[in-house]
Amino acid sequence: MSVTFRVQIYFFLICLSALKGQSRYLEDNDITQDGMFSILNSEIKRGLSERLLYRRPLRCIDMLTMEGQFTFTTDHPQLHCAVFFIGEPQEIISIEYSSVNIDCNGGDFIKVFDGWIMKGETFPSSLDHPLPIYERYIDYCETGRLRQAVRSSQNVAMLFFRIHTPGSGFTITIKKISNPFPCNVISQTPEGSFTMIIPHQHRNCSFSIIYPVEIKISELTLGHFNDLQVKKPVTGCGRAGDFVELLGGSGVDPSKMFPVADLCYSFNGPAEMKIGCDNTVVRMVSSGRFVNRVVFEYRLLERPELEKQKGNSVEDFCYSTD
């Protein structure tokens, strides 16, 4: 029995019950549209979901921000292709190979990278990601038949591919999966707010905003001590294993950015800083012994503010080549 035919029968039964005076049952039980569709079996739901799935062709250089199914078919050799994926801060990316027609033995490849690579720099940096760089590449030609889906560790991922033969290509299905404790994040927008929590985990987390912005921190909780209990070091955070730093720079790798400020102590109340770099990062370092939390919001610097920053030569470090 086809999916369409089953749906038609279901609605026929609803109409029949209404004609027989039994529609009151539907009213008394507050059956909503969502409730009605929950009655349908999994086969019907799957058929409806597949029909509503967003689809479009994939370009050699592309950026995807939404779920859907994307197909690339080449009409001439494409040797240097890359697709950037980005989700909301609290999401990770799932990339599933729906169909693949490439010649792995002939030099074709499809590789997923866990993060972003731009101008030779990586996000998250090697200091903030649990895996070394070479292990963050997942090569379809090596693992595709055994691993049909790949998940990122954060809200960004990349796909690199090279295809020589016209008519060859592949189809991927992109899904977003909820991440209860997002760590490394690239913001899609120049304005917003975020709460970063590291619960008893020895890790580093970076929130990257690829815009010149003002950062306003409203709360910082570091489990080891607060500013009333420990004397502050003269510079930096000393040997503190838990702290937050604000970074500025022109690339995406936080480890290559300039430290604008170190925050070593818990506090409540606004702390504001304007950073006129192309990229601004709020980075938390956690020893794993405590629950650390930072709450902040950010906004794009207006042109007069940005000109003032540049006029004061405050942001010379933004373009440092060191």
Protein backbone atom coordinates (compact mmCIF):
# COMPACT_ATOMS: atom_id res chain seq x y z
CA MET A 1 0.00 0.00 0.00
CA SER A 2 1.53 3.34 -1.04
CA VAL A 3 2.16 6.18 1.42
CA THR A 4 -0.19 8.51 -0.45
CA PHE A 5 -2.99 5.95 -0.41
CA ARG A 6 -2.61 5.40 3.34
CA VAL A 7 -2.84 9.14 4.01
CA GLN A 8 -5.99 9.33 1.86
CA ILE A 9 -7.58 6.48 3.83
CA TYR A 10 -6.74 8.16 7.14
CA PHE A 11 -8.43 11.42 6.18
CA PHE A 12 -11.37 9.50 4.74
CA LEU A 13 -11.90 7.84 8.15
CA ILE A 14 -11.81 11.25 9.87
CA CYS A 15 -14.44 12.59 7.48
CA LEU A 16 -16.56 9.47 7.96
CA SER A 17 -16.48 9.79 11.75
CA ALA A 18 -17.55 13.42 11.44
CA LEU A 19 -20.54 12.46 9.26
CA LYS A 20 -21.54 9.85 11.82
CA GLY A 21 -21.53 12.44 14.60
CA GLN A 22 -18.30 11.21 16.19
CA SER A 23 -16.26 14.32 15.53
CA ARG A 24 -16.98 15.37 19.11
CA TYR A 25 -14.42 12.76 20.14
CA LEU A 26 -11.74 14.70 18.28
CA GLU A 27 -12.75 17.97 19.97
CA ASP A 28 -12.93 16.53 23.48
CA ASN A 29 -9.46 15.04 23.19
CA ASP A 30 -7.86 18.24 21.82
CA ILE A 31 -6.23 16.48 18.90
CA THR A 32 -3.97 19.06 17.29
CA GLN A 33 -2.25 18.95 13.94
CA ASP A 34 0.90 17.64 15.60
CA GLY A 35 -1.10 15.03 17.46
CA MET A 36 -2.87 13.97 14.29
CA PHE A 37 0.40 13.36 12.46
CA SER A 38 1.81 11.47 15.43
CA ILE A 39 -0.84 8.84 14.74
CA LEU A 40 0.63 8.12 11.33
CA ASN A 41 3.05 5.24 11.26
CA SER A 42 6.79 5.70 10.75
CA GLU A 43 6.63 4.86 7.05
CA ILE A 44 4.22 7.71 6.34
CA LYS A 45 6.23 10.16 8.45
CA ARG A 46 9.40 9.19 6.64
CA GLY A 47 7.73 9.71 3.27
CA LEU A 48 6.50 13.16 4.28
CA SER A 49 9.91 14.11 5.68
CA GLU A 50 11.69 13.12 2.49
CA ARG A 51 9.29 15.22 0.42
CA LEU A 52 9.93 18.30 2.60
CA LEU A 53 13.73 17.89 2.60
CA TYR A 54 15.46 20.95 1.15
CA ARG A 55 17.53 20.13 -1.92
CA ARG A 56 19.86 22.09 -4.20
CA PRO A 57 23.02 21.59 -6.27
CA LEU A 58 26.36 21.97 -4.52
CA ARG A 59 28.97 24.37 -5.89
CA CYS A 60 32.73 23.78 -5.99
CA ILE A 61 33.20 26.59 -3.43
CA ASP A 62 30.15 26.79 -1.20
CA MET A 63 28.83 27.74 2.23
CA LEU A 64 25.94 25.84 3.83
CA THR A 65 24.02 27.05 6.87
CA MET A 66 20.93 24.87 6.66
CA GLU A 67 19.89 21.24 6.68
CA GLY A 68 19.10 19.46 3.44
CA GLN A 69 20.38 17.26 0.66
CA PHE A 70 23.04 18.63 -1.67
CA THR A 71 24.34 17.11 -4.90
CA PHE A 72 27.53 17.86 -6.80
CA THR A 73 27.97 16.63 -10.38
CA THR A 74 30.96 17.82 -12.37
CA ASP A 75 30.96 18.59 -16.10
CA HIS A 76 34.74 19.15 -16.13
CA PRO A 77 37.61 18.32 -13.75
CA GLN A 78 37.26 20.12 -10.41
CA LEU A 79 40.51 19.84 -8.49
CA HIS A 80 40.30 22.39 -5.66
CA CYS A 81 36.83 22.42 -4.09
CA ALA A 82 35.78 23.23 -0.53
CA VAL A 83 32.45 23.53 1.27
CA PHE A 84 32.07 25.35 4.61
CA PHE A 85 29.34 24.20 7.02
CA ILE A 86 28.13 26.27 9.97
CA GLY A 87 25.29 25.84 12.45
CA GLU A 88 24.01 27.65 15.51
CA PRO A 89 26.37 27.71 18.53
CA GLN A 90 24.48 24.88 20.25
CA GLU A 91 24.58 22.57 17.20
CA ILE A 92 27.02 20.13 15.65
CA ILE A 93 27.04 19.10 11.98
CA SER A 94 26.23 15.62 10.66
CA ILE A 95 27.39 14.88 7.10
CA GLU A 96 25.93 11.71 5.58
CA TYR A 97 26.96 10.30 2.22
CA SER A 98 23.69 9.51 0.43
CA SER A 99 25.40 8.44 -2.81
CA VAL A 100 28.96 8.66 -4.12
CA ASN A 101 30.27 8.12 -7.65
CA ILE A 102 33.97 9.00 -7.72
CA ASP A 103 37.18 7.21 -8.76
CA CYS A 104 39.31 6.90 -5.62
CA ASN A 105 41.98 4.97 -7.52
CA GLY A 106 42.11 7.68 -10.17
CA GLY A 107 42.95 10.49 -7.75
CA ASP A 108 39.46 11.60 -6.73
CA PHE A 109 38.77 12.20 -3.05
CA ILE A 110 36.20 13.53 -0.59
CA LYS A 111 37.45 14.53 2.86
CA VAL A 112 35.60 15.94 5.85
CA PHE A 113 37.59 18.20 8.18
CA ASP A 114 36.44 18.65 11.77
CA GLY A 115 36.56 22.44 11.89
CA TRP A 116 37.50 25.19 9.45
CA ILE A 117 40.72 25.92 7.58
CA MET A 118 41.26 29.43 6.22
CA LYS A 119 44.53 30.83 4.87
CA GLY A 120 46.46 27.98 6.42
CA GLU A 121 44.96 28.48 9.90
CA THR A 122 42.60 26.10 11.65
CA PHE A 123 39.64 26.49 13.96
CA PRO A 124 39.55 25.09 16.56
CA SER A 125 43.28 25.40 17.03
CA SER A 126 45.39 22.36 17.86
CA LEU A 127 45.39 23.57 21.48
CA ASP A 128 41.60 23.58 21.70
CA HIS A 129 40.73 20.36 19.83
CA PRO A 130 41.17 16.90 21.38
CA LEU A 131 42.61 15.39 18.17
CA PRO A 132 45.79 16.25 16.27
CA ILE A 133 45.27 17.94 12.91
CA TYR A 134 45.87 14.83 10.78
CA GLU A 135 43.23 12.85 12.67
CA ARG A 136 40.61 15.53 12.02
CA TYR A 137 40.47 14.59 8.32
CA ILE A 138 38.03 11.77 7.48
CA ASP A 139 38.73 10.45 3.96
CA TYR A 140 35.76 8.82 2.21
CA CYS A 141 38.07 6.75 0.02
CA GLU A 142 39.53 5.18 3.17
CA THR A 143 36.48 4.90 5.45
CA GLY A 144 33.39 5.75 3.39
CA ARG A 145 32.09 2.24 2.97
CA LEU A 146 32.35 1.66 6.71
CA ARG A 147 31.46 5.15 7.89
CA GLN A 148 28.55 6.64 5.97
CA ALA A 149 28.08 9.60 8.35
CA VAL A 150 30.57 11.97 9.99
CA ARG A 151 29.84 14.32 12.91
CA SER A 152 31.75 17.45 13.78
CA SER A 153 32.87 18.32 17.31
CA GLN A 154 31.55 21.89 17.08
CA ASN A 155 29.21 24.03 14.98
CA VAL A 156 31.56 24.21 11.96
CA ALA A 157 33.01 21.65 9.55
CA MET A 158 34.45 21.52 6.03
CA LEU A 159 34.33 19.24 3.02
CA PHE A 160 37.24 19.08 0.56
CA PHE A 161 36.88 17.23 -2.72
CA ARG A 162 38.62 16.61 -6.03
CA ILE A 163 36.87 14.96 -8.98
CA HIS A 164 38.43 14.42 -12.42
CA THR A 165 35.82 12.66 -14.57
CA PRO A 166 32.80 14.53 -16.02
CA GLY A 167 29.52 13.04 -14.83
CA SER A 168 31.00 11.92 -11.51
CA GLY A 169 29.84 13.34 -8.21
CA PHE A 170 28.14 12.70 -4.91
CA THR A 171 25.13 13.56 -2.75
CA ILE A 172 25.34 14.44 0.94
CA THR A 173 22.62 14.95 3.55
CA ILE A 174 23.29 17.60 6.20
CA LYS A 175 21.64 17.48 9.62
CA LYS A 176 22.05 19.64 12.73
CA ILE A 177 22.29 17.88 16.10
CA SER A 178 21.81 19.56 19.47
CA ASN A 179 24.93 19.98 21.62
CA PRO A 180 24.11 20.56 25.33
CA PHE A 181 27.59 21.90 26.17
CA PRO A 182 28.94 23.72 23.11
CA CYS A 183 32.63 24.40 23.37
CA ASN A 184 34.35 25.77 20.27
CA VAL A 185 32.03 28.02 18.27
CA ILE A 186 32.17 30.40 15.32
CA SER A 187 29.36 32.94 15.44
CA GLN A 188 27.29 33.44 12.29
CA THR A 189 26.39 37.00 13.28
CA PRO A 190 28.22 40.08 14.62
CA GLU A 191 25.72 40.51 17.46
CA GLY A 192 24.41 38.12 20.08
CA SER A 193 24.95 36.60 23.51
CA PHE A 194 26.37 33.34 24.78
CA THR A 195 26.91 31.36 27.96
CA MET A 196 29.98 29.11 27.95
CA ILE A 197 30.06 26.36 30.57
CA ILE A 198 32.82 23.80 31.06
CA PRO A 199 31.61 21.25 33.65
CA HIS A 200 34.57 19.48 35.28
CA GLN A 201 36.36 18.92 31.96
CA HIS A 202 40.02 19.51 31.20
CA ARG A 203 39.63 21.36 27.93
CA ASN A 204 39.88 24.76 26.26
CA CYS A 205 36.93 26.41 24.52
CA SER A 206 36.98 29.34 22.09
CA PHE A 207 34.03 31.44 20.93
CA SER A 208 35.05 33.20 17.71
CA ILE A 209 33.37 36.29 16.23
CA ILE A 210 34.71 37.13 12.78
CA TYR A 211 33.98 40.84 13.18
CA PRO A 212 35.36 43.81 15.13
CA VAL A 213 33.12 43.90 18.19
CA GLU A 214 32.57 45.13 21.71
CA ILE A 215 32.51 42.33 24.27
CA LYS A 216 30.47 42.83 27.45
CA ILE A 217 30.97 40.16 30.11
CA SER A 218 28.19 40.11 32.72
CA GLU A 219 29.32 37.11 34.75
CA LEU A 220 32.48 35.07 35.19
CA THR A 221 32.61 32.10 37.55
CA LEU A 222 35.90 30.32 38.03
CA GLY A 223 35.74 27.54 40.60
CA HIS A 224 39.21 27.93 42.10
CA PHE A 225 38.98 31.33 43.77
CA ASN A 226 37.58 34.84 43.54
CA ASP A 227 39.09 38.28 43.75
CA LEU A 228 38.50 38.59 47.50
CA GLN A 229 40.53 35.52 48.42
CA VAL A 230 43.69 35.59 46.35
CA LYS A 231 46.10 38.38 45.59
CA LYS A 232 46.13 39.22 41.90
CA PRO A 233 49.34 38.67 39.94
CA VAL A 234 50.93 41.70 38.34
CA THR A 235 50.57 40.41 34.78
CA GLY A 236 48.59 37.58 33.22
CA CYS A 237 46.97 34.82 35.22
CA GLY A 238 50.17 33.37 36.64
CA ARG A 239 49.84 29.64 37.19
CA ALA A 240 46.05 29.66 37.35
CA GLY A 241 44.69 26.59 35.60
CA ASP A 242 41.28 28.19 35.04
CA PHE A 243 40.90 31.57 33.34
CA VAL A 244 39.36 33.45 30.43
CA GLU A 245 41.25 35.45 27.84
CA LEU A 246 40.10 37.89 25.18
CA LEU A 247 41.99 37.61 21.90
CA GLY A 248 42.20 39.67 18.73
CA GLY A 249 43.67 38.99 15.31
CA SER A 250 43.13 38.65 11.58
CA GLY A 251 43.06 34.83 11.26
CA VAL A 252 40.89 32.05 12.65
CA ASP A 253 43.44 30.21 14.83
CA PRO A 254 43.12 31.45 18.43
CA SER A 255 46.62 30.21 19.28
CA LYS A 256 48.04 32.75 16.79
CA MET A 257 46.01 35.70 18.06
CA PHE A 258 47.07 38.50 20.39
CA PRO A 259 45.96 38.31 24.07
CA VAL A 260 44.09 41.55 24.73
CA ALA A 261 43.04 40.74 28.30
CA ASP A 262 43.31 37.95 30.87
CA LEU A 263 40.47 37.39 33.34
CA CYS A 264 41.65 35.30 36.28
CA TYR A 265 38.98 35.95 38.91
CA SER A 266 35.26 35.50 39.34
CA PHE A 267 33.06 38.57 39.23
CA ASN A 268 29.51 39.78 38.59
CA GLY A 269 28.81 42.98 36.77
CA PRO A 270 29.67 44.37 33.35
CA ALA A 271 33.22 44.31 32.03
CA GLU A 272 33.46 45.80 28.56
CA MET A 273 36.18 45.87 25.92
CA LYS A 274 36.26 46.97 22.29
CA ILE A 275 38.45 44.93 19.95
CA GLY A 276 38.78 46.34 16.44
CA CYS A 277 40.27 43.24 14.81
CA ASP A 278 38.78 41.16 12.02
CA ASN A 279 38.37 38.33 14.50
CA THR A 280 37.61 38.44 18.24
CA VAL A 281 37.74 35.39 20.51
CA VAL A 282 36.54 34.70 24.05
CA ARG A 283 38.61 31.71 25.18
CA MET A 284 38.21 29.74 28.39
CA VAL A 285 40.93 27.47 29.76
CA SER A 286 39.71 24.86 32.25
CA SER A 287 41.72 22.51 34.46
CA GLY A 288 38.81 20.10 34.83
CA ARG A 289 38.65 20.49 38.61
CA PHE A 290 35.76 22.95 38.65
CA VAL A 291 32.64 24.09 36.85
CA ASN A 292 33.60 27.27 35.00
CA ARG A 293 31.12 29.67 33.40
CA VAL A 294 31.26 32.93 31.49
CA VAL A 295 28.25 34.93 30.26
CA PHE A 296 28.78 37.61 27.64
CA GLU A 297 27.18 39.54 24.80
CA TYR A 298 28.73 41.17 21.78
CA ARG A 299 27.90 43.77 19.17
CA LEU A 300 29.46 45.07 15.98
CA LEU A 301 31.55 48.22 16.36
CA GLU A 302 30.11 51.23 14.56
CA ARG A 303 32.27 52.92 11.94
CA PRO A 304 33.21 55.93 14.18
CA GLU A 305 34.23 53.52 16.97
CA LEU A 306 36.31 51.48 14.57
CA GLU A 307 38.00 54.57 13.14
CA LYS A 308 38.84 55.73 16.66
CA GLN A 309 40.40 52.36 17.46
CA LYS A 310 42.53 52.51 14.33
CA GLY A 311 43.40 56.18 14.91
CA ASN A 312 44.80 55.37 18.32
CA SER A 313 46.91 52.55 16.82
CA VAL A 314 45.45 50.32 19.51
CA GLU A 315 44.89 47.46 17.10
CA ASP A 316 48.31 47.22 15.41
CA PHE A 317 48.60 43.71 16.81
CA CYS A 318 45.59 42.64 14.73
CA TYR A 319 47.76 42.21 11.65
CA SER A 320 50.93 41.00 13.30
CA THR A 321 52.74 38.41 11.16
CA ASP A 322 54.50 36.75 14.11
